[in-house]
Amino acid sequence: MMKFVTTGLVLLSALLAGCSGAPEPISEPLKWEEAVIELQSQPSPVAVGMNEFMVVATEERGRPVRDLVISLKAANGQWRQAIQDGHSGVYRRALAVAAGQVEIELKVRRKRTENEAVLIFPIAAAQ
């Protein structure tokens, strides 16, 4: 019986450790038109060097927003278009982050109407 409990605790610890690397929101989600836009990063928190950014766009009811073109910019870099991950409302892009950087800019545009806006997500200063 003791061996079973010990094995269970080891497996539970391994599962919890594996979950700790999951992307977390960088800041509070921002709203644009009817879309709620959330920005996540891997690694989390954002570090100096290459980071993968994941944009999750949903309606307030939780349905994915699929008709967006998302571009991201770090520091004084160029706009880089994110890749749409299927029709799930998820868009991904890797960007280089400089030391001391305190925000990520996100340009969001509707495919059909050409409406667009720039959203600014504050991040903890990259070190």
N, C-alpha and C. Protein backbone atom coordinates (compact mmCIF):
# COMPACT_ATOMS: atom_id res chain seq x y z
N MET A 1 0.82 -1.20 0.00
CA MET A 1 0.00 0.00 0.00
C MET A 1 0.87 1.26 0.00
N MET A 2 1.91 1.27 0.80
CA MET A 2 2.79 2.43 0.88
C MET A 2 3.48 2.69 -0.46
N LYS A 3 3.84 1.61 -1.14
CA LYS A 3 4.48 1.75 -2.45
C LYS A 3 3.54 2.41 -3.45
N PHE A 4 2.25 2.06 -3.39
CA PHE A 4 1.24 2.63 -4.28
C PHE A 4 1.10 4.13 -4.02
N VAL A 5 1.05 4.54 -2.74
CA VAL A 5 0.90 5.95 -2.37
C VAL A 5 2.13 6.74 -2.83
N THR A 6 3.33 6.19 -2.62
CA THR A 6 4.56 6.87 -3.03
C THR A 6 4.59 7.05 -4.54
N THR A 7 4.24 6.00 -5.29
CA THR A 7 4.21 6.08 -6.75
C THR A 7 3.20 7.13 -7.20
N GLY A 8 2.04 7.18 -6.55
CA GLY A 8 1.02 8.17 -6.89
C GLY A 8 1.50 9.59 -6.66
N LEU A 9 2.19 9.81 -5.55
CA LEU A 9 2.72 11.15 -5.26
C LEU A 9 3.78 11.57 -6.27
N VAL A 10 4.63 10.65 -6.68
CA VAL A 10 5.66 10.95 -7.68
C VAL A 10 5.01 11.32 -9.01
N LEU A 11 3.98 10.57 -9.42
CA LEU A 11 3.30 10.88 -10.68
C LEU A 11 2.57 12.21 -10.61
N LEU A 12 1.92 12.49 -9.48
CA LEU A 12 1.22 13.76 -9.32
C LEU A 12 2.20 14.93 -9.37
N SER A 13 3.35 14.79 -8.74
CA SER A 13 4.38 15.83 -8.77
C SER A 13 4.87 16.08 -10.18
N ALA A 14 5.08 15.01 -10.95
CA ALA A 14 5.54 15.14 -12.33
C ALA A 14 4.50 15.85 -13.19
N LEU A 15 3.22 15.52 -12.99
CA LEU A 15 2.17 16.18 -13.76
C LEU A 15 2.08 17.66 -13.44
N LEU A 16 2.15 18.00 -12.17
CA LEU A 16 2.09 19.41 -11.78
C LEU A 16 3.30 20.18 -12.29
N ALA A 17 4.46 19.59 -12.28
CA ALA A 17 5.66 20.26 -12.80
C ALA A 17 5.54 20.49 -14.29
N GLY A 18 4.93 19.55 -15.01
CA GLY A 18 4.75 19.69 -16.45
C GLY A 18 3.80 20.81 -16.81
N CYS A 19 2.86 21.12 -15.95
CA CYS A 19 1.88 22.18 -16.22
C CYS A 19 2.44 23.57 -15.97
N SER A 20 3.52 23.69 -15.25
CA SER A 20 4.01 25.01 -14.87
C SER A 20 4.55 25.81 -16.05
N GLY A 21 4.90 25.18 -17.17
CA GLY A 21 5.47 25.89 -18.31
C GLY A 21 4.43 26.39 -19.29
N ALA A 22 3.14 26.22 -18.98
CA ALA A 22 2.08 26.62 -19.90
C ALA A 22 2.03 28.14 -20.01
N PRO A 23 1.72 28.64 -21.21
CA PRO A 23 1.62 30.09 -21.38
C PRO A 23 0.55 30.69 -20.47
N GLU A 24 0.83 31.87 -19.95
CA GLU A 24 -0.12 32.59 -19.13
C GLU A 24 -0.33 33.96 -19.76
N PRO A 25 -1.50 34.57 -19.52
CA PRO A 25 -1.72 35.91 -20.07
C PRO A 25 -0.64 36.89 -19.59
N ILE A 26 -0.19 37.75 -20.49
CA ILE A 26 0.83 38.75 -20.17
C ILE A 26 0.22 39.85 -19.30
N SER A 27 -1.00 40.25 -19.63
CA SER A 27 -1.70 41.29 -18.87
C SER A 27 -3.19 41.04 -19.03
N GLU A 28 -3.98 41.96 -18.54
CA GLU A 28 -5.43 41.84 -18.70
C GLU A 28 -5.77 41.85 -20.20
N PRO A 29 -6.79 41.06 -20.61
CA PRO A 29 -7.22 41.09 -22.00
C PRO A 29 -7.72 42.48 -22.39
N LEU A 30 -7.57 42.82 -23.66
CA LEU A 30 -8.06 44.10 -24.19
C LEU A 30 -9.24 43.82 -25.12
N LYS A 31 -10.15 44.77 -25.22
CA LYS A 31 -11.33 44.59 -26.07
C LYS A 31 -11.21 45.49 -27.29
N TRP A 32 -11.55 44.91 -28.45
CA TRP A 32 -11.60 45.67 -29.70
C TRP A 32 -12.84 45.20 -30.46
N GLU A 33 -13.70 46.14 -30.82
CA GLU A 33 -14.99 45.82 -31.39
C GLU A 33 -15.65 44.79 -30.46
N GLU A 34 -16.09 43.63 -30.97
CA GLU A 34 -16.68 42.63 -30.07
C GLU A 34 -15.68 41.58 -29.63
N ALA A 35 -14.42 41.73 -30.04
CA ALA A 35 -13.39 40.73 -29.73
C ALA A 35 -12.68 41.05 -28.41
N VAL A 36 -12.47 40.00 -27.64
CA VAL A 36 -11.64 40.08 -26.44
C VAL A 36 -10.28 39.48 -26.82
N ILE A 37 -9.22 40.27 -26.74
CA ILE A 37 -7.90 39.87 -27.20
C ILE A 37 -7.00 39.62 -26.00
N GLU A 38 -6.45 38.41 -25.94
CA GLU A 38 -5.53 38.03 -24.85
C GLU A 38 -4.18 37.70 -25.46
N LEU A 39 -3.11 38.15 -24.83
CA LEU A 39 -1.75 37.87 -25.30
C LEU A 39 -1.04 37.00 -24.27
N GLN A 40 -0.47 35.89 -24.75
CA GLN A 40 0.29 34.97 -23.90
C GLN A 40 1.69 34.83 -24.47
N SER A 41 2.63 34.38 -23.63
CA SER A 41 4.00 34.19 -24.11
C SER A 41 4.57 32.88 -23.63
N GLN A 42 5.53 32.40 -24.38
CA GLN A 42 6.30 31.22 -24.01
C GLN A 42 7.74 31.56 -24.30
N PRO A 43 8.67 31.71 -23.36
CA PRO A 43 8.47 31.42 -21.94
C PRO A 43 7.63 32.49 -21.27
N SER A 44 7.14 32.14 -20.10
CA SER A 44 6.35 33.06 -19.29
C SER A 44 7.01 33.17 -17.93
N PRO A 45 7.42 34.36 -17.51
CA PRO A 45 7.24 35.67 -18.13
C PRO A 45 8.19 35.85 -19.32
N VAL A 46 7.95 36.92 -20.07
CA VAL A 46 8.75 37.24 -21.26
C VAL A 46 10.21 37.41 -20.86
N ALA A 47 11.11 36.86 -21.66
CA ALA A 47 12.55 36.94 -21.40
C ALA A 47 13.26 37.61 -22.57
N VAL A 48 14.46 38.08 -22.34
CA VAL A 48 15.27 38.65 -23.42
C VAL A 48 15.58 37.53 -24.41
N GLY A 49 15.48 37.83 -25.70
CA GLY A 49 15.72 36.84 -26.75
C GLY A 49 14.41 36.47 -27.42
N MET A 50 14.39 35.32 -28.08
CA MET A 50 13.20 34.88 -28.81
C MET A 50 12.13 34.38 -27.85
N ASN A 51 10.91 34.84 -28.08
CA ASN A 51 9.73 34.44 -27.33
C ASN A 51 8.64 34.12 -28.32
N GLU A 52 7.83 33.11 -28.02
CA GLU A 52 6.65 32.84 -28.85
C GLU A 52 5.48 33.55 -28.21
N PHE A 53 4.75 34.32 -29.03
CA PHE A 53 3.56 35.00 -28.54
C PHE A 53 2.34 34.36 -29.16
N MET A 54 1.33 34.15 -28.34
CA MET A 54 0.08 33.55 -28.78
C MET A 54 -1.04 34.53 -28.47
N VAL A 55 -1.78 34.91 -29.49
CA VAL A 55 -2.91 35.82 -29.36
C VAL A 55 -4.17 34.97 -29.41
N VAL A 56 -5.03 35.12 -28.40
CA VAL A 56 -6.29 34.39 -28.35
C VAL A 56 -7.40 35.42 -28.49
N ALA A 57 -8.21 35.29 -29.56
CA ALA A 57 -9.29 36.24 -29.84
C ALA A 57 -10.62 35.51 -29.73
N THR A 58 -11.45 35.97 -28.79
CA THR A 58 -12.76 35.36 -28.60
C THR A 58 -13.81 36.45 -28.48
N GLU A 59 -15.07 36.06 -28.71
CA GLU A 59 -16.18 36.95 -28.40
C GLU A 59 -16.42 36.85 -26.90
N GLU A 60 -17.22 37.75 -26.36
CA GLU A 60 -17.49 37.70 -24.93
C GLU A 60 -18.13 36.38 -24.51
N ARG A 61 -18.85 35.73 -25.42
CA ARG A 61 -19.48 34.44 -25.11
C ARG A 61 -18.49 33.28 -25.21
N GLY A 62 -17.24 33.58 -25.61
CA GLY A 62 -16.21 32.55 -25.66
C GLY A 62 -15.98 31.93 -27.03
N ARG A 63 -16.78 32.30 -28.03
CA ARG A 63 -16.58 31.75 -29.38
C ARG A 63 -15.36 32.40 -30.03
N PRO A 64 -14.58 31.63 -30.81
CA PRO A 64 -13.38 32.20 -31.44
C PRO A 64 -13.72 33.25 -32.50
N VAL A 65 -12.85 34.25 -32.60
CA VAL A 65 -12.95 35.25 -33.67
C VAL A 65 -11.93 34.84 -34.72
N ARG A 66 -12.43 34.49 -35.92
CA ARG A 66 -11.58 33.86 -36.93
C ARG A 66 -11.24 34.75 -38.11
N ASP A 67 -11.80 35.94 -38.18
CA ASP A 67 -11.61 36.76 -39.38
C ASP A 67 -10.66 37.93 -39.14
N LEU A 68 -9.59 37.68 -38.41
CA LEU A 68 -8.64 38.74 -38.09
C LEU A 68 -7.30 38.51 -38.76
N VAL A 69 -6.59 39.58 -39.00
CA VAL A 69 -5.19 39.53 -39.38
C VAL A 69 -4.46 40.20 -38.21
N ILE A 70 -3.57 39.46 -37.58
CA ILE A 70 -2.86 39.93 -36.40
C ILE A 70 -1.38 40.11 -36.74
N SER A 71 -0.83 41.26 -36.36
CA SER A 71 0.61 41.50 -36.50
C SER A 71 1.13 41.98 -35.15
N LEU A 72 2.38 41.62 -34.85
CA LEU A 72 3.00 41.99 -33.59
C LEU A 72 4.29 42.74 -33.84
N LYS A 73 4.65 43.59 -32.88
CA LYS A 73 5.89 44.33 -32.98
C LYS A 73 6.49 44.45 -31.58
N ALA A 74 7.78 44.18 -31.50
CA ALA A 74 8.50 44.32 -30.23
C ALA A 74 9.47 45.49 -30.36
N ALA A 75 9.50 46.35 -29.35
CA ALA A 75 10.41 47.51 -29.31
C ALA A 75 10.30 48.30 -30.61
N ASN A 76 11.42 48.60 -31.25
CA ASN A 76 11.42 49.37 -32.49
C ASN A 76 11.49 48.48 -33.71
N GLY A 77 11.09 47.24 -33.56
CA GLY A 77 11.14 46.29 -34.67
C GLY A 77 10.06 46.53 -35.70
N GLN A 78 10.05 45.68 -36.69
CA GLN A 78 9.05 45.76 -37.76
C GLN A 78 7.83 44.94 -37.37
N TRP A 79 6.70 45.27 -37.98
CA TRP A 79 5.49 44.48 -37.79
C TRP A 79 5.70 43.10 -38.39
N ARG A 80 5.32 42.07 -37.66
CA ARG A 80 5.43 40.68 -38.11
C ARG A 80 4.06 40.04 -38.01
N GLN A 81 3.56 39.53 -39.15
CA GLN A 81 2.22 38.93 -39.15
C GLN A 81 2.23 37.59 -38.43
N ALA A 82 1.23 37.39 -37.59
CA ALA A 82 1.08 36.13 -36.87
C ALA A 82 0.43 35.10 -37.78
N ILE A 83 0.67 33.86 -37.48
CA ILE A 83 0.09 32.75 -38.24
C ILE A 83 -1.17 32.29 -37.54
N GLN A 84 -2.28 32.21 -38.30
CA GLN A 84 -3.54 31.75 -37.73
C GLN A 84 -3.46 30.25 -37.50
N ASP A 85 -3.84 29.82 -36.30
CA ASP A 85 -3.78 28.42 -35.91
C ASP A 85 -5.15 27.79 -36.14
N GLY A 86 -5.41 27.40 -37.39
CA GLY A 86 -6.71 26.84 -37.74
C GLY A 86 -7.79 27.89 -37.65
N HIS A 87 -8.99 27.48 -37.28
CA HIS A 87 -10.11 28.41 -37.11
C HIS A 87 -10.48 28.50 -35.63
N SER A 88 -9.46 28.49 -34.78
CA SER A 88 -9.66 28.44 -33.34
C SER A 88 -9.58 29.81 -32.66
N GLY A 89 -9.33 30.87 -33.43
CA GLY A 89 -9.17 32.19 -32.83
C GLY A 89 -7.81 32.38 -32.19
N VAL A 90 -6.85 31.52 -32.54
CA VAL A 90 -5.50 31.59 -31.98
C VAL A 90 -4.53 31.96 -33.10
N TYR A 91 -3.65 32.91 -32.80
CA TYR A 91 -2.67 33.40 -33.76
C TYR A 91 -1.31 33.38 -33.06
N ARG A 92 -0.25 32.91 -33.76
CA ARG A 92 1.07 32.74 -33.14
C ARG A 92 2.16 33.46 -33.93
N ARG A 93 3.16 33.95 -33.17
CA ARG A 93 4.33 34.57 -33.79
C ARG A 93 5.47 34.61 -32.79
N ALA A 94 6.68 34.31 -33.25
CA ALA A 94 7.88 34.44 -32.42
C ALA A 94 8.53 35.79 -32.72
N LEU A 95 8.96 36.46 -31.66
CA LEU A 95 9.62 37.76 -31.79
C LEU A 95 10.82 37.82 -30.87
N ALA A 96 11.82 38.59 -31.28
CA ALA A 96 12.97 38.86 -30.41
C ALA A 96 12.61 40.02 -29.49
N VAL A 97 12.86 39.83 -28.21
CA VAL A 97 12.57 40.85 -27.21
C VAL A 97 13.90 41.39 -26.67
N ALA A 98 14.01 42.71 -26.61
CA ALA A 98 15.24 43.36 -26.14
C ALA A 98 15.19 43.57 -24.62
N ALA A 99 16.36 43.71 -24.02
CA ALA A 99 16.46 43.97 -22.59
C ALA A 99 15.75 45.29 -22.26
N GLY A 100 15.00 45.31 -21.18
CA GLY A 100 14.32 46.51 -20.75
C GLY A 100 13.01 46.81 -21.46
N GLN A 101 12.61 45.99 -22.41
CA GLN A 101 11.38 46.22 -23.15
C GLN A 101 10.18 46.13 -22.22
N VAL A 102 9.23 47.05 -22.36
CA VAL A 102 8.10 47.10 -21.43
C VAL A 102 6.73 46.96 -22.10
N GLU A 103 6.70 46.73 -23.42
CA GLU A 103 5.41 46.54 -24.09
C GLU A 103 5.56 45.77 -25.40
N ILE A 104 4.46 45.14 -25.79
CA ILE A 104 4.33 44.48 -27.09
C ILE A 104 3.16 45.16 -27.79
N GLU A 105 3.38 45.59 -29.03
CA GLU A 105 2.31 46.20 -29.81
C GLU A 105 1.67 45.14 -30.69
N LEU A 106 0.35 45.19 -30.76
CA LEU A 106 -0.41 44.22 -31.53
C LEU A 106 -1.35 44.98 -32.46
N LYS A 107 -1.20 44.76 -33.76
CA LYS A 107 -2.10 45.38 -34.75
C LYS A 107 -3.15 44.34 -35.12
N VAL A 108 -4.40 44.70 -34.97
CA VAL A 108 -5.49 43.78 -35.29
C VAL A 108 -6.34 44.42 -36.39
N ARG A 109 -6.67 43.59 -37.41
CA ARG A 109 -7.42 44.10 -38.58
C ARG A 109 -8.45 43.06 -38.99
N ARG A 110 -9.62 43.52 -39.34
CA ARG A 110 -10.67 42.64 -39.88
C ARG A 110 -10.37 42.37 -41.35
N LYS A 111 -10.53 41.13 -41.77
CA LYS A 111 -10.27 40.77 -43.17
C LYS A 111 -11.28 41.41 -44.11
N ARG A 112 -12.55 41.45 -43.72
CA ARG A 112 -13.59 41.92 -44.64
C ARG A 112 -13.75 43.44 -44.65
N THR A 113 -13.66 44.08 -43.51
CA THR A 113 -13.98 45.50 -43.44
C THR A 113 -12.75 46.39 -43.45
N GLU A 114 -11.59 45.82 -43.23
CA GLU A 114 -10.34 46.57 -43.17
C GLU A 114 -10.24 47.48 -41.93
N ASN A 115 -11.21 47.36 -40.98
CA ASN A 115 -11.08 48.09 -39.72
C ASN A 115 -9.84 47.60 -39.01
N GLU A 116 -9.08 48.51 -38.41
CA GLU A 116 -7.90 48.08 -37.69
C GLU A 116 -7.62 48.98 -36.50
N ALA A 117 -6.83 48.44 -35.58
CA ALA A 117 -6.43 49.19 -34.39
C ALA A 117 -5.10 48.62 -33.91
N VAL A 118 -4.40 49.42 -33.12
CA VAL A 118 -3.17 48.97 -32.49
C VAL A 118 -3.43 48.90 -30.99
N LEU A 119 -3.20 47.73 -30.42
CA LEU A 119 -3.37 47.50 -28.99
C LEU A 119 -1.99 47.38 -28.37
N ILE A 120 -1.82 47.93 -27.19
CA ILE A 120 -0.53 47.86 -26.51
C ILE A 120 -0.67 47.05 -25.24
N PHE A 121 0.13 45.98 -25.16
CA PHE A 121 0.14 45.11 -24.00
C PHE A 121 1.39 45.38 -23.19
N PRO A 122 1.24 45.86 -21.96
CA PRO A 122 2.43 46.07 -21.12
C PRO A 122 2.99 44.72 -20.67
N ILE A 123 4.30 44.64 -20.57
CA ILE A 123 4.96 43.44 -20.04
C ILE A 123 5.92 43.88 -18.96
N ALA A 124 6.26 42.96 -18.08
CA ALA A 124 7.31 43.26 -17.11
C ALA A 124 8.61 43.46 -17.89
N ALA A 125 9.42 44.39 -17.50
CA ALA A 125 10.67 44.68 -18.22
C ALA A 125 11.46 43.41 -18.41
N ALA A 126 11.76 43.08 -19.66
CA ALA A 126 12.53 41.88 -19.98
C ALA A 126 13.96 42.03 -19.47
N GLN A 127 14.46 40.96 -18.87
CA GLN A 127 15.83 40.99 -18.33
C GLN A 127 16.62 39.79 -18.79
